[in-house]
Amino acid sequence: MPVAVLIKTPIGMLLLWAAGVITMLVL
């Protein structure tokens, strides 16, 4: 499933997901 998500999700969306998770944990 993690690999399938990496394949099926737009790259820009993956980057923003990661940035959002980090932001929620840091702020």
mmCIF file of all heavy atoms, coordinates in Angstrom:
data_MODEL
# 
_entry.id   MODEL 
# 
loop_
_atom_site.group_PDB 
_atom_site.id 
_atom_site.type_symbol 
_atom_site.label_atom_id 
_atom_site.label_alt_id 
_atom_site.label_comp_id 
_atom_site.label_asym_id 
_atom_site.label_entity_id 
_atom_site.label_seq_id 
_atom_site.pdbx_PDB_ins_code 
_atom_site.Cartn_x 
_atom_site.Cartn_y 
_atom_site.Cartn_z 
_atom_site.occupancy 
_atom_site.B_iso_or_equiv 
_atom_site.pdbx_formal_charge 
_atom_site.auth_seq_id 
_atom_site.auth_comp_id 
_atom_site.auth_asym_id 
_atom_site.auth_atom_id 
_atom_site.pdbx_PDB_model_num 
ATOM 1   N N   . MET A 1 1  ? 0.805  -1.217 0.000   1.00 0.00 ? 1  MET A N   1 
ATOM 2   C CA  . MET A 1 1  ? 0.000  0.000  0.000   1.00 0.00 ? 1  MET A CA  1 
ATOM 3   C C   . MET A 1 1  ? 0.841  1.272  0.000   1.00 0.00 ? 1  MET A C   1 
ATOM 4   O O   . MET A 1 1  ? 0.539  2.202  -0.769  1.00 0.00 ? 1  MET A O   1 
ATOM 5   C CB  . MET A 1 1  ? -0.979 0.002  1.174   1.00 0.00 ? 1  MET A CB  1 
ATOM 6   C CG  . MET A 1 1  ? -2.093 1.028  1.021   1.00 0.00 ? 1  MET A CG  1 
ATOM 7   S SD  . MET A 1 1  ? -3.081 0.783  -0.489  1.00 0.00 ? 1  MET A SD  1 
ATOM 8   C CE  . MET A 1 1  ? -3.984 -0.707 -0.062  1.00 0.00 ? 1  MET A CE  1 
ATOM 9   N N   . PRO A 1 2  ? 1.912  1.379  0.810   1.00 0.00 ? 2  PRO A N   1 
ATOM 10  C CA  . PRO A 1 2  ? 2.733  2.595  0.709   1.00 0.00 ? 2  PRO A CA  1 
ATOM 11  C C   . PRO A 1 2  ? 3.310  2.804  -0.688  1.00 0.00 ? 2  PRO A C   1 
ATOM 12  O O   . PRO A 1 2  ? 3.348  3.944  -1.184  1.00 0.00 ? 2  PRO A O   1 
ATOM 13  C CB  . PRO A 1 2  ? 3.837  2.356  1.748   1.00 0.00 ? 2  PRO A CB  1 
ATOM 14  C CG  . PRO A 1 2  ? 3.244  1.420  2.736   1.00 0.00 ? 2  PRO A CG  1 
ATOM 15  C CD  . PRO A 1 2  ? 2.351  0.527  1.938   1.00 0.00 ? 2  PRO A CD  1 
ATOM 16  N N   . VAL A 1 3  ? 3.753  1.730  -1.323  1.00 0.00 ? 3  VAL A N   1 
ATOM 17  C CA  . VAL A 1 3  ? 4.307  1.865  -2.673  1.00 0.00 ? 3  VAL A CA  1 
ATOM 18  C C   . VAL A 1 3  ? 3.208  2.271  -3.657  1.00 0.00 ? 3  VAL A C   1 
ATOM 19  O O   . VAL A 1 3  ? 3.417  3.142  -4.517  1.00 0.00 ? 3  VAL A O   1 
ATOM 20  C CB  . VAL A 1 3  ? 4.983  0.557  -3.116  1.00 0.00 ? 3  VAL A CB  1 
ATOM 21  C CG1 . VAL A 1 3  ? 5.427  0.647  -4.582  1.00 0.00 ? 3  VAL A CG1 1 
ATOM 22  C CG2 . VAL A 1 3  ? 6.178  0.241  -2.229  1.00 0.00 ? 3  VAL A CG2 1 
ATOM 23  N N   . ALA A 1 4  ? 2.038  1.662  -3.529  1.00 0.00 ? 4  ALA A N   1 
ATOM 24  C CA  . ALA A 1 4  ? 0.926  2.016  -4.417  1.00 0.00 ? 4  ALA A CA  1 
ATOM 25  C C   . ALA A 1 4  ? 0.548  3.480  -4.261  1.00 0.00 ? 4  ALA A C   1 
ATOM 26  O O   . ALA A 1 4  ? 0.246  4.170  -5.246  1.00 0.00 ? 4  ALA A O   1 
ATOM 27  C CB  . ALA A 1 4  ? -0.277 1.117  -4.130  1.00 0.00 ? 4  ALA A CB  1 
ATOM 28  N N   . VAL A 1 5  ? 0.559  3.977  -3.026  1.00 0.00 ? 5  VAL A N   1 
ATOM 29  C CA  . VAL A 1 5  ? 0.256  5.397  -2.790  1.00 0.00 ? 5  VAL A CA  1 
ATOM 30  C C   . VAL A 1 5  ? 1.303  6.284  -3.455  1.00 0.00 ? 5  VAL A C   1 
ATOM 31  O O   . VAL A 1 5  ? 0.972  7.317  -4.058  1.00 0.00 ? 5  VAL A O   1 
ATOM 32  C CB  . VAL A 1 5  ? 0.167  5.683  -1.279  1.00 0.00 ? 5  VAL A CB  1 
ATOM 33  C CG1 . VAL A 1 5  ? 0.116  7.185  -1.010  1.00 0.00 ? 5  VAL A CG1 1 
ATOM 34  C CG2 . VAL A 1 5  ? -1.058 5.006  -0.678  1.00 0.00 ? 5  VAL A CG2 1 
ATOM 35  N N   . LEU A 1 6  ? 2.576  5.894  -3.365  1.00 0.00 ? 6  LEU A N   1 
ATOM 36  C CA  . LEU A 1 6  ? 3.632  6.670  -4.020  1.00 0.00 ? 6  LEU A CA  1 
ATOM 37  C C   . LEU A 1 6  ? 3.435  6.707  -5.531  1.00 0.00 ? 6  LEU A C   1 
ATOM 38  O O   . LEU A 1 6  ? 3.727  7.724  -6.181  1.00 0.00 ? 6  LEU A O   1 
ATOM 39  C CB  . LEU A 1 6  ? 5.005  6.072  -3.697  1.00 0.00 ? 6  LEU A CB  1 
ATOM 40  C CG  . LEU A 1 6  ? 5.527  6.268  -2.280  1.00 0.00 ? 6  LEU A CG  1 
ATOM 41  C CD1 . LEU A 1 6  ? 6.852  5.528  -2.098  1.00 0.00 ? 6  LEU A CD1 1 
ATOM 42  C CD2 . LEU A 1 6  ? 5.710  7.753  -1.972  1.00 0.00 ? 6  LEU A CD2 1 
ATOM 43  N N   . ILE A 1 7  ? 2.943  5.631  -6.103  1.00 0.00 ? 7  ILE A N   1 
ATOM 44  C CA  . ILE A 1 7  ? 2.738  5.564  -7.546  1.00 0.00 ? 7  ILE A CA  1 
ATOM 45  C C   . ILE A 1 7  ? 1.507  6.372  -7.963  1.00 0.00 ? 7  ILE A C   1 
ATOM 46  O O   . ILE A 1 7  ? 1.533  7.098  -8.963  1.00 0.00 ? 7  ILE A O   1 
ATOM 47  C CB  . ILE A 1 7  ? 2.571  4.098  -8.002  1.00 0.00 ? 7  ILE A CB  1 
ATOM 48  C CG1 . ILE A 1 7  ? 3.869  3.316  -7.766  1.00 0.00 ? 7  ILE A CG1 1 
ATOM 49  C CG2 . ILE A 1 7  ? 2.168  4.022  -9.480  1.00 0.00 ? 7  ILE A CG2 1 
ATOM 50  C CD1 . ILE A 1 7  ? 3.727  1.820  -7.987  1.00 0.00 ? 7  ILE A CD1 1 
ATOM 51  N N   . LYS A 1 8  ? 0.448  6.289  -7.177  1.00 0.00 ? 8  LYS A N   1 
ATOM 52  C CA  . LYS A 1 8  ? -0.858 6.805  -7.585  1.00 0.00 ? 8  LYS A CA  1 
ATOM 53  C C   . LYS A 1 8  ? -1.136 8.242  -7.139  1.00 0.00 ? 8  LYS A C   1 
ATOM 54  O O   . LYS A 1 8  ? -2.190 8.793  -7.476  1.00 0.00 ? 8  LYS A O   1 
ATOM 55  C CB  . LYS A 1 8  ? -1.950 5.899  -7.016  1.00 0.00 ? 8  LYS A CB  1 
ATOM 56  C CG  . LYS A 1 8  ? -1.949 4.474  -7.547  1.00 0.00 ? 8  LYS A CG  1 
ATOM 57  C CD  . LYS A 1 8  ? -2.641 4.382  -8.893  1.00 0.00 ? 8  LYS A CD  1 
ATOM 58  C CE  . LYS A 1 8  ? -4.126 4.654  -8.744  1.00 0.00 ? 8  LYS A CE  1 
ATOM 59  N NZ  . LYS A 1 8  ? -4.792 4.709  -10.068 1.00 0.00 ? 8  LYS A NZ  1 
ATOM 60  N N   . THR A 1 9  ? -0.240 8.845  -6.387  1.00 0.00 ? 9  THR A N   1 
ATOM 61  C CA  . THR A 1 9  ? -0.482 10.199 -5.874  1.00 0.00 ? 9  THR A CA  1 
ATOM 62  C C   . THR A 1 9  ? 0.403  11.190 -6.612  1.00 0.00 ? 9  THR A C   1 
ATOM 63  O O   . THR A 1 9  ? 1.604  10.946 -6.788  1.00 0.00 ? 9  THR A O   1 
ATOM 64  C CB  . THR A 1 9  ? -0.176 10.255 -4.361  1.00 0.00 ? 9  THR A CB  1 
ATOM 65  O OG1 . THR A 1 9  ? -0.928 9.243  -3.691  1.00 0.00 ? 9  THR A OG1 1 
ATOM 66  C CG2 . THR A 1 9  ? -0.556 11.615 -3.789  1.00 0.00 ? 9  THR A CG2 1 
ATOM 67  N N   . PRO A 1 10 ? -0.147 12.330 -7.057  1.00 0.00 ? 10 PRO A N   1 
ATOM 68  C CA  . PRO A 1 10 ? 0.689  13.343 -7.715  1.00 0.00 ? 10 PRO A CA  1 
ATOM 69  C C   . PRO A 1 10 ? 1.869  13.746 -6.828  1.00 0.00 ? 10 PRO A C   1 
ATOM 70  O O   . PRO A 1 10 ? 1.734  13.857 -5.606  1.00 0.00 ? 10 PRO A O   1 
ATOM 71  C CB  . PRO A 1 10 ? -0.284 14.512 -7.911  1.00 0.00 ? 10 PRO A CB  1 
ATOM 72  C CG  . PRO A 1 10 ? -1.643 13.877 -7.968  1.00 0.00 ? 10 PRO A CG  1 
ATOM 73  C CD  . PRO A 1 10 ? -1.575 12.714 -7.019  1.00 0.00 ? 10 PRO A CD  1 
ATOM 74  N N   . ILE A 1 11 ? 3.012  13.985 -7.458  1.00 0.00 ? 11 ILE A N   1 
ATOM 75  C CA  . ILE A 1 11 ? 4.219  14.298 -6.699  1.00 0.00 ? 11 ILE A CA  1 
ATOM 76  C C   . ILE A 1 11 ? 4.043  15.563 -5.866  1.00 0.00 ? 11 ILE A C   1 
ATOM 77  O O   . ILE A 1 11 ? 4.448  15.622 -4.693  1.00 0.00 ? 11 ILE A O   1 
ATOM 78  C CB  . ILE A 1 11 ? 5.419  14.436 -7.660  1.00 0.00 ? 11 ILE A CB  1 
ATOM 79  C CG1 . ILE A 1 11 ? 5.715  13.090 -8.323  1.00 0.00 ? 11 ILE A CG1 1 
ATOM 80  C CG2 . ILE A 1 11 ? 6.656  14.933 -6.914  1.00 0.00 ? 11 ILE A CG2 1 
ATOM 81  C CD1 . ILE A 1 11 ? 6.754  13.148 -9.414  1.00 0.00 ? 11 ILE A CD1 1 
ATOM 82  N N   . GLY A 1 12 ? 3.439  16.586 -6.450  1.00 0.00 ? 12 GLY A N   1 
ATOM 83  C CA  . GLY A 1 12 ? 3.201  17.810 -5.699  1.00 0.00 ? 12 GLY A CA  1 
ATOM 84  C C   . GLY A 1 12 ? 2.342  17.580 -4.478  1.00 0.00 ? 12 GLY A C   1 
ATOM 85  O O   . GLY A 1 12 ? 2.546  18.195 -3.421  1.00 0.00 ? 12 GLY A O   1 
ATOM 86  N N   . MET A 1 13 ? 1.386  16.677 -4.590  1.00 0.00 ? 13 MET A N   1 
ATOM 87  C CA  . MET A 1 13 ? 0.528  16.348 -3.456  1.00 0.00 ? 13 MET A CA  1 
ATOM 88  C C   . MET A 1 13 ? 1.312  15.613 -2.375  1.00 0.00 ? 13 MET A C   1 
ATOM 89  O O   . MET A 1 13 ? 1.166  15.901 -1.181  1.00 0.00 ? 13 MET A O   1 
ATOM 90  C CB  . MET A 1 13 ? -0.658 15.497 -3.929  1.00 0.00 ? 13 MET A CB  1 
ATOM 91  C CG  . MET A 1 13 ? -1.749 15.303 -2.888  1.00 0.00 ? 13 MET A CG  1 
ATOM 92  S SD  . MET A 1 13 ? -3.158 14.365 -3.522  1.00 0.00 ? 13 MET A SD  1 
ATOM 93  C CE  . MET A 1 13 ? -3.799 15.496 -4.776  1.00 0.00 ? 13 MET A CE  1 
ATOM 94  N N   . LEU A 1 14 ? 2.161  14.681 -2.766  1.00 0.00 ? 14 LEU A N   1 
ATOM 95  C CA  . LEU A 1 14 ? 2.992  13.975 -1.791  1.00 0.00 ? 14 LEU A CA  1 
ATOM 96  C C   . LEU A 1 14 ? 3.871  14.947 -1.019  1.00 0.00 ? 14 LEU A C   1 
ATOM 97  O O   . LEU A 1 14 ? 4.018  14.842 0.212   1.00 0.00 ? 14 LEU A O   1 
ATOM 98  C CB  . LEU A 1 14 ? 3.865  12.935 -2.502  1.00 0.00 ? 14 LEU A CB  1 
ATOM 99  C CG  . LEU A 1 14 ? 3.153  11.702 -3.070  1.00 0.00 ? 14 LEU A CG  1 
ATOM 100 C CD1 . LEU A 1 14 ? 4.113  10.900 -3.942  1.00 0.00 ? 14 LEU A CD1 1 
ATOM 101 C CD2 . LEU A 1 14 ? 2.604  10.820 -1.957  1.00 0.00 ? 14 LEU A CD2 1 
ATOM 102 N N   . LEU A 1 15 ? 4.473  15.903 -1.730  1.00 0.00 ? 15 LEU A N   1 
ATOM 103 C CA  . LEU A 1 15 ? 5.342  16.878 -1.072  1.00 0.00 ? 15 LEU A CA  1 
ATOM 104 C C   . LEU A 1 15 ? 4.561  17.753 -0.099  1.00 0.00 ? 15 LEU A C   1 
ATOM 105 O O   . LEU A 1 15 ? 5.031  18.038 1.013   1.00 0.00 ? 15 LEU A O   1 
ATOM 106 C CB  . LEU A 1 15 ? 6.039  17.740 -2.123  1.00 0.00 ? 15 LEU A CB  1 
ATOM 107 C CG  . LEU A 1 15 ? 7.064  17.021 -3.009  1.00 0.00 ? 15 LEU A CG  1 
ATOM 108 C CD1 . LEU A 1 15 ? 7.569  17.943 -4.117  1.00 0.00 ? 15 LEU A CD1 1 
ATOM 109 C CD2 . LEU A 1 15 ? 8.231  16.503 -2.178  1.00 0.00 ? 15 LEU A CD2 1 
ATOM 110 N N   . LEU A 1 16 ? 3.369  18.162 -0.485  1.00 0.00 ? 16 LEU A N   1 
ATOM 111 C CA  . LEU A 1 16 ? 2.567  19.006 0.398   1.00 0.00 ? 16 LEU A CA  1 
ATOM 112 C C   . LEU A 1 16 ? 2.029  18.215 1.581   1.00 0.00 ? 16 LEU A C   1 
ATOM 113 O O   . LEU A 1 16 ? 1.912  18.754 2.687   1.00 0.00 ? 16 LEU A O   1 
ATOM 114 C CB  . LEU A 1 16 ? 1.431  19.658 -0.388  1.00 0.00 ? 16 LEU A CB  1 
ATOM 115 C CG  . LEU A 1 16 ? 1.865  20.829 -1.273  1.00 0.00 ? 16 LEU A CG  1 
ATOM 116 C CD1 . LEU A 1 16 ? 0.763  21.229 -2.239  1.00 0.00 ? 16 LEU A CD1 1 
ATOM 117 C CD2 . LEU A 1 16 ? 2.275  22.018 -0.423  1.00 0.00 ? 16 LEU A CD2 1 
ATOM 118 N N   . TRP A 1 17 ? 1.697  16.946 1.365   1.00 0.00 ? 17 TRP A N   1 
ATOM 119 C CA  . TRP A 1 17 ? 1.311  16.091 2.501   1.00 0.00 ? 17 TRP A CA  1 
ATOM 120 C C   . TRP A 1 17 ? 2.455  16.045 3.512   1.00 0.00 ? 17 TRP A C   1 
ATOM 121 O O   . TRP A 1 17 ? 2.234  16.231 4.711   1.00 0.00 ? 17 TRP A O   1 
ATOM 122 C CB  . TRP A 1 17 ? 1.006  14.680 2.028   1.00 0.00 ? 17 TRP A CB  1 
ATOM 123 C CG  . TRP A 1 17 ? -0.290 14.498 1.316   1.00 0.00 ? 17 TRP A CG  1 
ATOM 124 C CD1 . TRP A 1 17 ? -1.248 15.443 1.046   1.00 0.00 ? 17 TRP A CD1 1 
ATOM 125 C CD2 . TRP A 1 17 ? -0.795 13.266 0.778   1.00 0.00 ? 17 TRP A CD2 1 
ATOM 126 N NE1 . TRP A 1 17 ? -2.298 14.875 0.372   1.00 0.00 ? 17 TRP A NE1 1 
ATOM 127 C CE2 . TRP A 1 17 ? -2.046 13.553 0.185   1.00 0.00 ? 17 TRP A CE2 1 
ATOM 128 C CE3 . TRP A 1 17 ? -0.287 11.979 0.706   1.00 0.00 ? 17 TRP A CE3 1 
ATOM 129 C CZ2 . TRP A 1 17 ? -2.808 12.561 -0.440  1.00 0.00 ? 17 TRP A CZ2 1 
ATOM 130 C CZ3 . TRP A 1 17 ? -1.044 10.989 0.084   1.00 0.00 ? 17 TRP A CZ3 1 
ATOM 131 C CH2 . TRP A 1 17 ? -2.301 11.276 -0.476  1.00 0.00 ? 17 TRP A CH2 1 
ATOM 132 N N   . ALA A 1 18 ? 3.660  15.767 3.029   1.00 0.00 ? 18 ALA A N   1 
ATOM 133 C CA  . ALA A 1 18 ? 4.815  15.650 3.928   1.00 0.00 ? 18 ALA A CA  1 
ATOM 134 C C   . ALA A 1 18 ? 5.079  16.971 4.643   1.00 0.00 ? 18 ALA A C   1 
ATOM 135 O O   . ALA A 1 18 ? 5.321  17.001 5.865   1.00 0.00 ? 18 ALA A O   1 
ATOM 136 C CB  . ALA A 1 18 ? 6.046  15.212 3.140   1.00 0.00 ? 18 ALA A CB  1 
ATOM 137 N N   . ALA A 1 19 ? 5.010  18.074 3.907   1.00 0.00 ? 19 ALA A N   1 
ATOM 138 C CA  . ALA A 1 19 ? 5.233  19.380 4.520   1.00 0.00 ? 19 ALA A CA  1 
ATOM 139 C C   . ALA A 1 19 ? 4.167  19.682 5.565   1.00 0.00 ? 19 ALA A C   1 
ATOM 140 O O   . ALA A 1 19 ? 4.468  20.237 6.632   1.00 0.00 ? 19 ALA A O   1 
ATOM 141 C CB  . ALA A 1 19 ? 5.237  20.465 3.440   1.00 0.00 ? 19 ALA A CB  1 
ATOM 142 N N   . GLY A 1 20 ? 2.925  19.298 5.270   1.00 0.00 ? 20 GLY A N   1 
ATOM 143 C CA  . GLY A 1 20 ? 1.853  19.531 6.224   1.00 0.00 ? 20 GLY A CA  1 
ATOM 144 C C   . GLY A 1 20 ? 2.016  18.724 7.495   1.00 0.00 ? 20 GLY A C   1 
ATOM 145 O O   . GLY A 1 20 ? 1.789  19.227 8.606   1.00 0.00 ? 20 GLY A O   1 
ATOM 146 N N   . VAL A 1 21 ? 2.403  17.471 7.359   1.00 0.00 ? 21 VAL A N   1 
ATOM 147 C CA  . VAL A 1 21 ? 2.629  16.627 8.541   1.00 0.00 ? 21 VAL A CA  1 
ATOM 148 C C   . VAL A 1 21 ? 3.735  17.217 9.409   1.00 0.00 ? 21 VAL A C   1 
ATOM 149 O O   . VAL A 1 21 ? 3.596  17.326 10.642  1.00 0.00 ? 21 VAL A O   1 
ATOM 150 C CB  . VAL A 1 21 ? 2.976  15.179 8.111   1.00 0.00 ? 21 VAL A CB  1 
ATOM 151 C CG1 . VAL A 1 21 ? 3.455  14.368 9.315   1.00 0.00 ? 21 VAL A CG1 1 
ATOM 152 C CG2 . VAL A 1 21 ? 1.758  14.511 7.475   1.00 0.00 ? 21 VAL A CG2 1 
ATOM 153 N N   . ILE A 1 22 ? 4.834  17.606 8.774   1.00 0.00 ? 22 ILE A N   1 
ATOM 154 C CA  . ILE A 1 22 ? 5.947  18.194 9.526   1.00 0.00 ? 22 ILE A CA  1 
ATOM 155 C C   . ILE A 1 22 ? 5.515  19.489 10.212  1.00 0.00 ? 22 ILE A C   1 
ATOM 156 O O   . ILE A 1 22 ? 5.834  19.737 11.383  1.00 0.00 ? 22 ILE A O   1 
ATOM 157 C CB  . ILE A 1 22 ? 7.153  18.440 8.595   1.00 0.00 ? 22 ILE A CB  1 
ATOM 158 C CG1 . ILE A 1 22 ? 7.714  17.105 8.101   1.00 0.00 ? 22 ILE A CG1 1 
ATOM 159 C CG2 . ILE A 1 22 ? 8.241  19.241 9.300   1.00 0.00 ? 22 ILE A CG2 1 
ATOM 160 C CD1 . ILE A 1 22 ? 8.749  17.233 7.005   1.00 0.00 ? 22 ILE A CD1 1 
ATOM 161 N N   . THR A 1 23 ? 4.773  20.308 9.483   1.00 0.00 ? 23 THR A N   1 
ATOM 162 C CA  . THR A 1 23 ? 4.301  21.573 10.054  1.00 0.00 ? 23 THR A CA  1 
ATOM 163 C C   . THR A 1 23 ? 3.430  21.333 11.282  1.00 0.00 ? 23 THR A C   1 
ATOM 164 O O   . THR A 1 23 ? 3.576  22.017 12.307  1.00 0.00 ? 23 THR A O   1 
ATOM 165 C CB  . THR A 1 23 ? 3.515  22.374 9.002   1.00 0.00 ? 23 THR A CB  1 
ATOM 166 O OG1 . THR A 1 23 ? 4.351  22.640 7.871   1.00 0.00 ? 23 THR A OG1 1 
ATOM 167 C CG2 . THR A 1 23 ? 3.028  23.698 9.576   1.00 0.00 ? 23 THR A CG2 1 
ATOM 168 N N   . MET A 1 24 ? 2.535  20.357 11.205  1.00 0.00 ? 24 MET A N   1 
ATOM 169 C CA  . MET A 1 24 ? 1.652  20.087 12.339  1.00 0.00 ? 24 MET A CA  1 
ATOM 170 C C   . MET A 1 24 ? 2.431  19.581 13.550  1.00 0.00 ? 24 MET A C   1 
ATOM 171 O O   . MET A 1 24 ? 2.045  19.843 14.695  1.00 0.00 ? 24 MET A O   1 
ATOM 172 C CB  . MET A 1 24 ? 0.580  19.070 11.943  1.00 0.00 ? 24 MET A CB  1 
ATOM 173 C CG  . MET A 1 24 ? -0.396 19.562 10.888  1.00 0.00 ? 24 MET A CG  1 
ATOM 174 S SD  . MET A 1 24 ? -1.881 18.538 10.762  1.00 0.00 ? 24 MET A SD  1 
ATOM 175 C CE  . MET A 1 24 ? -2.857 19.172 12.130  1.00 0.00 ? 24 MET A CE  1 
ATOM 176 N N   . LEU A 1 25 ? 3.509  18.856 13.290  1.00 0.00 ? 25 LEU A N   1 
ATOM 177 C CA  . LEU A 1 25 ? 4.301  18.327 14.399  1.00 0.00 ? 25 LEU A CA  1 
ATOM 178 C C   . LEU A 1 25 ? 5.259  19.360 14.983  1.00 0.00 ? 25 LEU A C   1 
ATOM 179 O O   . LEU A 1 25 ? 5.580  19.314 16.170  1.00 0.00 ? 25 LEU A O   1 
ATOM 180 C CB  . LEU A 1 25 ? 5.096  17.101 13.925  1.00 0.00 ? 25 LEU A CB  1 
ATOM 181 C CG  . LEU A 1 25 ? 4.258  15.876 13.516  1.00 0.00 ? 25 LEU A CG  1 
ATOM 182 C CD1 . LEU A 1 25 ? 5.172  14.796 12.956  1.00 0.00 ? 25 LEU A CD1 1 
ATOM 183 C CD2 . LEU A 1 25 ? 3.447  15.344 14.683  1.00 0.00 ? 25 LEU A CD2 1 
ATOM 184 N N   . VAL A 1 26 ? 5.704  20.310 14.160  1.00 0.00 ? 26 VAL A N   1 
ATOM 185 C CA  . VAL A 1 26 ? 6.717  21.274 14.598  1.00 0.00 ? 26 VAL A CA  1 
ATOM 186 C C   . VAL A 1 26 ? 6.099  22.501 15.257  1.00 0.00 ? 26 VAL A C   1 
ATOM 187 O O   . VAL A 1 26 ? 6.590  22.982 16.286  1.00 0.00 ? 26 VAL A O   1 
ATOM 188 C CB  . VAL A 1 26 ? 7.601  21.679 13.404  1.00 0.00 ? 26 VAL A CB  1 
ATOM 189 C CG1 . VAL A 1 26 ? 8.491  22.862 13.769  1.00 0.00 ? 26 VAL A CG1 1 
ATOM 190 C CG2 . VAL A 1 26 ? 8.452  20.497 12.960  1.00 0.00 ? 26 VAL A CG2 1 
ATOM 191 N N   . LEU A 1 27 ? 5.031  23.023 14.676  1.00 0.00 ? 27 LEU A N   1 
ATOM 192 C CA  . LEU A 1 27 ? 4.443  24.241 15.224  1.00 0.00 ? 27 LEU A CA  1 
ATOM 193 C C   . LEU A 1 27 ? 3.670  23.924 16.507  1.00 0.00 ? 27 LEU A C   1 
ATOM 194 O O   . LEU A 1 27 ? 2.726  23.124 16.483  1.00 0.00 ? 27 LEU A O   1 
ATOM 195 C CB  . LEU A 1 27 ? 3.494  24.885 14.210  1.00 0.00 ? 27 LEU A CB  1 
ATOM 196 C CG  . LEU A 1 27 ? 4.122  25.584 13.004  1.00 0.00 ? 27 LEU A CG  1 
ATOM 197 C CD1 . LEU A 1 27 ? 3.054  26.295 12.185  1.00 0.00 ? 27 LEU A CD1 1 
ATOM 198 C CD2 . LEU A 1 27 ? 5.201  26.575 13.430  1.00 0.00 ? 27 LEU A CD2 1 
# 
